[in-house]
Protein backbone atom coordinates (compact mmCIF):
# COMPACT_ATOMS: atom_id res chain seq x y z
CA MET A 1 -0.05 0.10 0.00
CA GLY A 2 1.44 3.22 -0.81
CA THR A 3 1.14 6.60 0.51
CA TRP A 4 -1.92 7.55 -1.42
CA TYR A 5 -3.92 5.14 0.50
CA TRP A 6 -3.13 6.53 3.77
CA TRP A 7 -3.71 10.33 2.54
CA THR A 8 -7.29 9.22 1.12
CA LEU A 9 -8.14 7.45 4.08
CA LEU A 10 -7.46 10.28 6.43
CA GLY A 11 -9.39 12.57 3.92
CA MET A 12 -12.34 10.53 4.01
CA ALA A 13 -12.41 10.50 7.90
CA ILE A 14 -11.67 14.06 7.81
CA VAL A 15 -14.85 14.72 5.71
CA THR A 16 -16.73 12.12 7.40
CA TYR A 17 -15.85 13.76 10.76
CA ILE A 18 -16.80 17.48 9.98
CA PRO A 19 -20.05 17.29 9.35
CA ARG A 20 -20.70 15.52 12.39
CA VAL A 21 -18.68 17.66 14.77
CA PHE A 22 -20.28 21.11 13.65
CA PRO A 23 -23.81 20.38 14.45
CA LEU A 24 -22.59 19.10 17.67
CA THR A 25 -20.79 21.93 18.53
CA PHE A 26 -22.47 24.92 17.35
CA LEU A 27 -25.99 23.60 18.06
CA GLU A 28 -25.52 21.95 21.35
CA GLY A 29 -28.31 23.06 23.75
CA ARG A 30 -30.47 24.80 21.57
CA LYS A 31 -33.92 24.03 20.14
CA LEU A 32 -34.34 23.78 16.54
CA PRO A 33 -37.52 25.08 14.79
CA PRO A 34 -40.35 22.33 14.57
CA VAL A 35 -39.81 22.79 10.16
CA ILE A 36 -36.12 21.73 10.56
CA SER A 37 -36.34 19.32 12.89
CA GLY A 38 -39.08 17.57 10.82
CA VAL A 39 -37.22 18.00 7.86
CA LEU A 40 -34.10 16.39 9.50
CA SER A 41 -36.30 13.48 10.83
CA ASN A 42 -37.08 12.62 7.42
CA ILE A 43 -33.29 12.68 5.90
CA PRO A 44 -33.03 8.89 7.00
CA PHE A 45 -36.15 7.35 4.86
CA ALA A 46 -35.37 9.76 2.06
CA VAL A 47 -31.78 8.35 1.57
CA LEU A 48 -32.78 5.11 2.54
CA GLY A 49 -35.29 5.21 -0.47
CA ALA A 50 -32.81 6.32 -2.76
CA LEU A 51 -30.45 3.64 -1.92
CA ILE A 52 -33.01 1.02 -2.24
CA PHE A 53 -34.67 2.12 -5.75
CA PRO A 54 -31.74 1.36 -8.12
CA ALA A 55 -31.69 -1.68 -6.42
CA ILE A 56 -35.32 -2.53 -7.08
CA LEU A 57 -34.33 -2.52 -10.88
CA TYR A 58 -31.20 -4.75 -11.06
CA VAL A 59 -32.12 -7.13 -8.58
CA GLN A 60 -32.38 -10.17 -11.03
CA GLN A 61 -30.16 -9.22 -14.13
CA GLY A 62 -32.53 -9.27 -17.36
CA ASN A 63 -35.71 -9.39 -15.21
CA ILE A 64 -37.03 -5.91 -14.03
CA VAL A 65 -40.65 -7.78 -13.67
CA PHE A 66 -38.64 -9.41 -10.59
CA GLY A 67 -38.01 -6.42 -8.70
CA ILE A 68 -41.27 -4.32 -9.64
CA ILE A 69 -42.98 -7.47 -8.23
CA GLY A 70 -41.01 -7.38 -5.01
CA ALA A 71 -41.34 -3.90 -4.82
CA VAL A 72 -45.36 -3.46 -5.01
CA VAL A 73 -45.34 -6.71 -2.53
CA ALA A 74 -42.94 -4.72 0.04
CA PHE A 75 -44.78 -1.19 -0.37
CA THR A 76 -48.34 -3.03 -0.20
CA LEU A 77 -47.80 -5.30 3.06
CA ALA A 78 -45.87 -2.01 4.74
CA ILE A 79 -48.86 0.05 4.13
CA ILE A 80 -51.00 -2.89 5.33
CA SER A 81 -48.86 -3.86 8.48
CA ALA A 82 -46.24 -1.80 10.04
CA ASN A 83 -44.35 -4.78 11.36
CA VAL A 84 -41.03 -4.93 9.27
CA MET A 85 -40.75 -8.78 9.71
CA VAL A 86 -43.74 -9.17 8.08
CA VAL A 87 -43.10 -6.83 4.91
CA VAL A 88 -39.65 -8.60 4.56
CA LEU A 89 -40.83 -11.96 4.71
CA GLY A 90 -44.16 -11.66 2.54
CA THR A 91 -41.80 -10.24 -0.02
CA ILE A 92 -39.26 -13.02 0.25
CA SER A 93 -42.04 -15.51 0.25
CA VAL A 94 -43.93 -14.23 -3.07
CA LEU A 95 -40.58 -14.04 -4.81
CA ALA A 96 -39.52 -17.31 -4.06
CA ILE A 97 -43.20 -18.59 -5.64
CA TYR A 98 -42.92 -16.44 -8.51
CA SER A 99 -39.19 -17.79 -8.86
CA LEU A 100 -40.95 -21.16 -8.94
CA VAL A 101 -43.43 -20.33 -11.10
CA PHE A 102 -41.64 -18.46 -13.74
């Protein structure tokens, strides 16, 4: 491993550390307005959706229908039931049956 590896690792550590330390340092003890607090609380869900959506389209190479069926089943089960295990196991079950049939 060259020195570029360690410099890259150090740079990534600094870039990751800075956005985490500034809010802790400058916003400590302050109450955020409800609008900003609401937006910040929804960021993890938006990022999760942005990460999952491309995977839906490429879950099975050459068969986009597989991913779309899985997404529809997962969204439907999520709306019907709030339990994450029901959503995961239900989607896996439907896709397993679909794989056996088609």
